[in-house]
Amino acid sequence: MPPILKCLVALQAMGLVACATLPASETAEQEMMAADRAFAARAMEIGPGAAFVEFAAEDVTIFPAGGVPQAGKAAATAWTGSWPSDLVIGWAPEAAHASKAGDFGYTWGYATFSRQGEAGETYGKYITVWKRQTDDSWKWIADMGSAAPPPESR
């Protein structure tokens, strides 16, 4: 094969590889969606309080209702420790948006709140801010929510 032809074939192959590679932000968005889904699944397994602590970054900031923001995992542990032991929170992310560098972003979605053994549910929407950790995992650094209409009214 003539050298020029080898060069053209190599360039074409590199172009295909470049086209198949997702931008860092798009990859990060997929990873944050997966992290949020894993977080929600873990909340169903071990309870929301324990899952919130498990998925929190060391530099997390919490925003308790009616209180002042507090920083650190110890604050998150104390905050979630005050939640009712029979609290059930189910949620699912709707979308994610990431920084261009792919190291920071947020997910948002809808949540359902109930108490084990009790009838009735309340609904909310949330935003969770995520930060890529040095081990490439995603941990939440801020989370806030508010009331939302029931699913059939959205």
C-alpha atoms as a PDB file:
ATOM      1  CA  MET A   1       0.000   0.000   0.000  1.00  0.00           C
ATOM      2  CA  PRO A   2       1.441   3.416  -0.903  1.00  0.00           C
ATOM      3  CA  PRO A   3       2.429   5.565   2.107  1.00  0.00           C
ATOM      4  CA  ILE A   4      -0.121   8.267   1.261  1.00  0.00           C
ATOM      5  CA  LEU A   5      -2.919   5.703   1.227  1.00  0.00           C
ATOM      6  CA  LYS A   6      -1.797   4.340   4.624  1.00  0.00           C
ATOM      7  CA  CYS A   7      -1.892   7.876   5.961  1.00  0.00           C
ATOM      8  CA  LEU A   8      -5.423   8.463   4.615  1.00  0.00           C
ATOM      9  CA  VAL A   9      -6.681   5.183   6.092  1.00  0.00           C
ATOM     10  CA  ALA A  10      -5.125   6.082   9.472  1.00  0.00           C
ATOM     11  CA  LEU A  11      -6.709   9.553   9.423  1.00  0.00           C
ATOM     12  CA  GLN A  12     -10.102   8.102   8.564  1.00  0.00           C
ATOM     13  CA  ALA A  13      -9.855   5.608  11.436  1.00  0.00           C
ATOM     14  CA  MET A  14      -8.908   8.381  13.865  1.00  0.00           C
ATOM     15  CA  GLY A  15     -11.891  10.398  12.688  1.00  0.00           C
ATOM     16  CA  LEU A  16     -14.242   7.508  13.392  1.00  0.00           C
ATOM     17  CA  VAL A  17     -12.828   7.092  16.889  1.00  0.00           C
ATOM     18  CA  ALA A  18     -13.214  10.812  17.551  1.00  0.00           C
ATOM     19  CA  CYS A  19     -16.833  10.698  16.422  1.00  0.00           C
ATOM     20  CA  ALA A  20     -17.549   7.748  18.705  1.00  0.00           C
ATOM     21  CA  THR A  21     -16.206   9.521  21.809  1.00  0.00           C
ATOM     22  CA  LEU A  22     -18.786  11.421  23.849  1.00  0.00           C
ATOM     23  CA  PRO A  23     -17.983  14.896  25.152  1.00  0.00           C
ATOM     24  CA  ALA A  24     -16.973  14.942  28.839  1.00  0.00           C
ATOM     25  CA  SER A  25     -20.196  16.738  29.797  1.00  0.00           C
ATOM     26  CA  GLU A  26     -22.429  14.163  28.085  1.00  0.00           C
ATOM     27  CA  THR A  27     -20.579  11.262  29.710  1.00  0.00           C
ATOM     28  CA  ALA A  28     -20.812  13.029  33.076  1.00  0.00           C
ATOM     29  CA  GLU A  29     -24.557  13.516  32.642  1.00  0.00           C
ATOM     30  CA  GLN A  30     -25.028   9.796  32.037  1.00  0.00           C
ATOM     31  CA  GLU A  31     -22.851   8.984  35.046  1.00  0.00           C
ATOM     32  CA  MET A  32     -24.778  11.396  37.310  1.00  0.00           C
ATOM     33  CA  MET A  33     -28.101   9.917  36.195  1.00  0.00           C
ATOM     34  CA  ALA A  34     -26.743   6.456  37.062  1.00  0.00           C
ATOM     35  CA  ALA A  35     -25.447   7.723  40.424  1.00  0.00           C
ATOM     36  CA  ASP A  36     -28.824   9.291  41.243  1.00  0.00           C
ATOM     37  CA  ARG A  37     -30.653   6.061  40.323  1.00  0.00           C
ATOM     38  CA  ALA A  38     -28.224   4.042  42.476  1.00  0.00           C
ATOM     39  CA  PHE A  39     -28.751   6.533  45.323  1.00  0.00           C
ATOM     40  CA  ALA A  40     -32.548   6.111  45.066  1.00  0.00           C
ATOM     41  CA  ALA A  41     -32.254   2.311  44.957  1.00  0.00           C
ATOM     42  CA  ARG A  42     -29.978   2.357  47.995  1.00  0.00           C
ATOM     43  CA  ALA A  43     -32.528   4.507  49.875  1.00  0.00           C
ATOM     44  CA  MET A  44     -35.106   1.770  49.320  1.00  0.00           C
ATOM     45  CA  GLU A  45     -32.651  -0.863  50.602  1.00  0.00           C
ATOM     46  CA  ILE A  46     -31.255   0.821  53.721  1.00  0.00           C
ATOM     47  CA  GLY A  47     -33.543   3.810  54.276  1.00  0.00           C
ATOM     48  CA  PRO A  48     -33.264   7.368  53.021  1.00  0.00           C
ATOM     49  CA  GLY A  49     -31.205   8.756  55.912  1.00  0.00           C
ATOM     50  CA  ALA A  50     -28.459   6.156  55.646  1.00  0.00           C
ATOM     51  CA  ALA A  51     -28.393   6.472  51.847  1.00  0.00           C
ATOM     52  CA  PHE A  52     -28.123  10.259  52.032  1.00  0.00           C
ATOM     53  CA  VAL A  53     -25.071   9.914  54.273  1.00  0.00           C
ATOM     54  CA  GLU A  54     -23.542   7.133  52.146  1.00  0.00           C
ATOM     55  CA  PHE A  55     -23.790   9.156  48.918  1.00  0.00           C
ATOM     56  CA  ALA A  56     -22.721  12.479  50.476  1.00  0.00           C
ATOM     57  CA  ALA A  57     -19.326  14.014  49.746  1.00  0.00           C
ATOM     58  CA  GLU A  58     -17.137  14.995  52.681  1.00  0.00           C
ATOM     59  CA  ASP A  59     -17.642  18.665  51.712  1.00  0.00           C
ATOM     60  CA  VAL A  60     -21.438  18.382  51.467  1.00  0.00           C
ATOM     61  CA  THR A  61     -23.629  21.330  52.447  1.00  0.00           C
ATOM     62  CA  ILE A  62     -27.106  20.660  53.776  1.00  0.00           C
ATOM     63  CA  PHE A  63     -30.063  23.041  53.736  1.00  0.00           C
ATOM     64  CA  PRO A  64     -32.457  21.932  56.498  1.00  0.00           C
ATOM     65  CA  ALA A  65     -35.988  23.322  56.284  1.00  0.00           C
ATOM     66  CA  GLY A  66     -36.321  26.316  58.573  1.00  0.00           C
ATOM     67  CA  GLY A  67     -32.628  26.158  59.480  1.00  0.00           C
ATOM     68  CA  VAL A  68     -29.337  27.565  58.308  1.00  0.00           C
ATOM     69  CA  PRO A  69     -27.038  25.762  55.860  1.00  0.00           C
ATOM     70  CA  GLN A  70     -24.447  23.507  57.464  1.00  0.00           C
ATOM     71  CA  ALA A  71     -21.326  21.983  55.921  1.00  0.00           C
ATOM     72  CA  GLY A  72     -19.727  18.585  56.339  1.00  0.00           C
ATOM     73  CA  LYS A  73     -20.692  14.951  56.463  1.00  0.00           C
ATOM     74  CA  ALA A  74     -21.202  15.117  60.239  1.00  0.00           C
ATOM     75  CA  ALA A  75     -23.893  17.758  59.661  1.00  0.00           C
ATOM     76  CA  ALA A  76     -25.552  15.517  57.057  1.00  0.00           C
ATOM     77  CA  THR A  77     -25.460  12.603  59.498  1.00  0.00           C
ATOM     78  CA  ALA A  78     -27.083  14.679  62.254  1.00  0.00           C
ATOM     79  CA  TRP A  79     -29.688  16.085  59.854  1.00  0.00           C
ATOM     80  CA  THR A  80     -30.762  12.725  58.473  1.00  0.00           C
ATOM     81  CA  GLY A  81     -30.666  11.233  61.983  1.00  0.00           C
ATOM     82  CA  SER A  82     -33.590  13.490  62.868  1.00  0.00           C
ATOM     83  CA  TRP A  83     -35.781  12.034  60.116  1.00  0.00           C
ATOM     84  CA  PRO A  84     -38.587   9.647  61.141  1.00  0.00           C
ATOM     85  CA  SER A  85     -37.387   6.030  61.117  1.00  0.00           C
ATOM     86  CA  ASP A  86     -40.417   4.950  59.063  1.00  0.00           C
ATOM     87  CA  LEU A  87     -39.874   7.574  56.343  1.00  0.00           C
ATOM     88  CA  VAL A  88     -39.819   6.255  52.779  1.00  0.00           C
ATOM     89  CA  ILE A  89     -38.581   8.458  49.944  1.00  0.00           C
ATOM     90  CA  GLY A  90     -38.721   7.217  46.381  1.00  0.00           C
ATOM     91  CA  TRP A  91     -37.347   9.297  43.554  1.00  0.00           C
ATOM     92  CA  ALA A  92     -36.162   9.183  39.976  1.00  0.00           C
ATOM     93  CA  PRO A  93     -34.051  11.679  38.072  1.00  0.00           C
ATOM     94  CA  GLU A  94     -35.614  13.311  35.033  1.00  0.00           C
ATOM     95  CA  ALA A  95     -32.511  15.004  33.626  1.00  0.00           C
ATOM     96  CA  ALA A  96     -28.897  15.923  34.306  1.00  0.00           C
ATOM     97  CA  HIS A  97     -26.705  18.830  33.285  1.00  0.00           C
ATOM     98  CA  ALA A  98     -22.915  18.852  33.647  1.00  0.00           C
ATOM     99  CA  SER A  99     -20.071  21.304  33.409  1.00  0.00           C
ATOM    100  CA  LYS A 100     -18.087  21.283  30.193  1.00  0.00           C
ATOM    101  CA  ALA A 101     -15.182  19.644  32.070  1.00  0.00           C
ATOM    102  CA  GLY A 102     -17.491  16.862  33.260  1.00  0.00           C
ATOM    103  CA  ASP A 103     -16.545  17.140  36.937  1.00  0.00           C
ATOM    104  CA  PHE A 104     -19.591  18.913  38.341  1.00  0.00           C
ATOM    105  CA  GLY A 105     -23.304  19.085  37.634  1.00  0.00           C
ATOM    106  CA  TYR A 106     -26.810  18.413  38.830  1.00  0.00           C
ATOM    107  CA  THR A 107     -29.749  16.101  38.435  1.00  0.00           C
ATOM    108  CA  TRP A 108     -33.369  16.959  39.026  1.00  0.00           C
ATOM    109  CA  GLY A 109     -36.471  14.848  39.353  1.00  0.00           C
ATOM    110  CA  TYR A 110     -39.616  14.028  41.281  1.00  0.00           C
ATOM    111  CA  ALA A 111     -39.944  12.337  44.652  1.00  0.00           C
ATOM    112  CA  THR A 112     -42.652  10.575  46.626  1.00  0.00           C
ATOM    113  CA  PHE A 113     -42.724  10.685  50.427  1.00  0.00           C
ATOM    114  CA  SER A 114     -44.603   8.230  52.622  1.00  0.00           C
ATOM    115  CA  ARG A 115     -44.426   6.483  55.978  1.00  0.00           C
ATOM    116  CA  GLN A 116     -44.148   2.707  56.284  1.00  0.00           C
ATOM    117  CA  GLY A 117     -47.507   1.182  57.147  1.00  0.00           C
ATOM    118  CA  GLU A 118     -49.447   4.404  56.594  1.00  0.00           C
ATOM    119  CA  ALA A 119     -51.736   5.381  53.748  1.00  0.00           C
ATOM    120  CA  GLY A 120     -51.101   8.522  51.752  1.00  0.00           C
ATOM    121  CA  GLU A 121     -48.214  10.087  49.927  1.00  0.00           C
ATOM    122  CA  THR A 122     -46.883  13.572  49.356  1.00  0.00           C
ATOM    123  CA  TYR A 123     -44.949  14.653  46.307  1.00  0.00           C
ATOM    124  CA  GLY A 124     -41.936  16.796  45.681  1.00  0.00           C
ATOM    125  CA  LYS A 125     -39.359  17.821  43.144  1.00  0.00           C
ATOM    126  CA  TYR A 126     -35.651  18.011  43.836  1.00  0.00           C
ATOM    127  CA  ILE A 127     -32.312  19.161  42.563  1.00  0.00           C
ATOM    128  CA  THR A 128     -29.134  17.374  43.609  1.00  0.00           C
ATOM    129  CA  VAL A 129     -25.730  18.897  42.908  1.00  0.00           C
ATOM    130  CA  TRP A 130     -23.025  16.312  42.188  1.00  0.00           C
ATOM    131  CA  LYS A 131     -19.241  16.509  42.226  1.00  0.00           C
ATOM    132  CA  ARG A 132     -16.862  13.957  40.726  1.00  0.00           C
ATOM    133  CA  GLN A 133     -14.563  12.568  43.419  1.00  0.00           C
ATOM    134  CA  THR A 134     -10.864  11.742  43.078  1.00  0.00           C
ATOM    135  CA  ASP A 135     -11.785   8.049  42.664  1.00  0.00           C
ATOM    136  CA  ASP A 136     -14.120   9.027  39.734  1.00  0.00           C
ATOM    137  CA  SER A 137     -17.269   8.273  41.744  1.00  0.00           C
ATOM    138  CA  TRP A 138     -20.021  10.876  42.048  1.00  0.00           C
ATOM    139  CA  LYS A 139     -21.124  12.224  45.443  1.00  0.00           C
ATOM    140  CA  TRP A 140     -23.773  14.807  46.184  1.00  0.00           C
ATOM    141  CA  ILE A 141     -22.669  18.133  47.638  1.00  0.00           C
ATOM    142  CA  ALA A 142     -26.066  19.882  47.877  1.00  0.00           C
ATOM    143  CA  ASP A 143     -29.681  18.767  47.661  1.00  0.00           C
ATOM    144  CA  MET A 144     -32.877  20.781  47.877  1.00  0.00           C
ATOM    145  CA  GLY A 145     -36.516  20.078  47.235  1.00  0.00           C
ATOM    146  CA  SER A 146     -39.979  21.552  47.280  1.00  0.00           C
ATOM    147  CA  ALA A 147     -43.574  20.412  46.924  1.00  0.00           C
ATOM    148  CA  ALA A 148     -44.845  19.131  43.575  1.00  0.00           C
ATOM    149  CA  PRO A 149     -48.240  18.113  42.246  1.00  0.00           C
ATOM    150  CA  PRO A 150     -49.092  14.406  42.099  1.00  0.00           C
ATOM    151  CA  PRO A 151     -47.893  12.512  39.006  1.00  0.00           C
ATOM    152  CA  GLU A 152     -51.296  12.591  37.306  1.00  0.00           C
ATOM    153  CA  SER A 153     -51.311  16.422  37.458  1.00  0.00           C
ATOM    154  CA  ARG A 154     -47.871  17.037  35.927  1.00  0.00           C
END
